[in-house]
Amino acid sequence: MVEKYKQYLPFIVMIILAVITFFIIRPFLIAITLGALLAYILYGFYQYLLLKTGKSTLSAFIVCIVAFLIVVIPSIFFIKVLVQQSYALFILGKQKFATGFVTGCNNAICDTLKIFSNDPATGYHIQEVLRVTTNWIVEKGSNFLLGVPQIIIGLFVSFVSMYYFLKDGKRFVQKLNRFFSTDEEKYGYVLSRLKRIMHGIVYGYGLVAVIQGVLGGFGFFIFGVSSPVFWGMVIGILGLVPLIGAGMVWIPAVLILIFQGIFQNSSSMIARGIGLAIYSLLLVSSLDNTLKPKLMGQKAKVHPGIMMVGLMGGIFFFGPIGVMLGPLTLALLIVLIDVYIIEKKLN
């Protein structure tokens, strides 16, 4: 009896080790996934360098350096600028509320605000909002500072993972091919569909980010915001960042225009701020939920509804990286069901 079950012992040990390994790497799953996505996006550049240098180690290292310079450093700069501008706007609003928000202001909006500001209940609620906002900023700032070491470790893991995915990714795929050699036709089909799905996701994100940048910059130009080309580039870059997006640029711009209009008795500036808000909401930020799933679905040959559900649900389940992992997971599941359950013909 013991001899009969001895053959299953290596398999049981492997399962146990796999579970333990999962819990070991779980804190870095997002970082590893990000490294894999960057490796996939930049694999064409890696192959180009490999042809030029003939050295996989050097080529992968150069790609990682370039990715770091393109992705991390500009992101740090832009986020720093946005945080500074948002905090300055908050401090300005707090000072105005403390010294008299509508002092010297004679337009219709100010007259309405004067009525509300003279109400003791309104003043109390404003002070409470300011207190809660101040505490939130301090708390989030402290959490960010405490999380800096973890962020640095995560970035390190991402780029190390990216390096090895570039250098050894092809051999890894070949090993998977041998593992699924019982049905090479189906495995080959699934692998080709996976490549198409990944291409669709990257294509959707990239193209929508470019469109958002162009429309955002044009909106800043027609509504009189300074440096529209620069801010259009920022919107395009932030369009690639999960859960941040274009709103981190146009919302502070809208608030600045409206507040400046109130303080300067300028109804036209207030109208420009409201117009920019409507324009940005309808023509810029809405692309994340309309055009992006459609483009991704067309390229990946997956229904846009599936991509939309994956996009939204992935955020809740995986966190920020879920905007890519969600659509990928659902689309790949549909492919596997087609091939292995419905027995779809591959030719």
Foldseek 3Di string as FASTA:
>chain_A
DCVVCPVCVVVVVVVVVVVVVCVVCVLQPLLLVLLLLLLLVCLVVLVVVCVVPVDLLVSLVVSLVVCCVVFPPVVVVLVVVLVVLVVVLLVVCVVLLVVPVQPPFDDPVSVVVVVQSVDVVSNVVVVVVNVVVVVVVVVVVVVVVVCVVVVVVSNVSSSVSNSCCSRCVVVVVVVVCVVPVVCNLLVVLLVVLLSQLSVLLVVLQLVLLLQLLVQQLVLCVVLPHPPSNVLSVVQSSCSNFFPCHNCSRLVSVLSVQLSVCSRVNNPSSPVSSVVSVVSCVVRRPCCLQPVSLVSSCVRSVHDSVQLNCLQVVLCVPVNRSSNSVRSSVSSSVVSCCCCPPVVHDPD
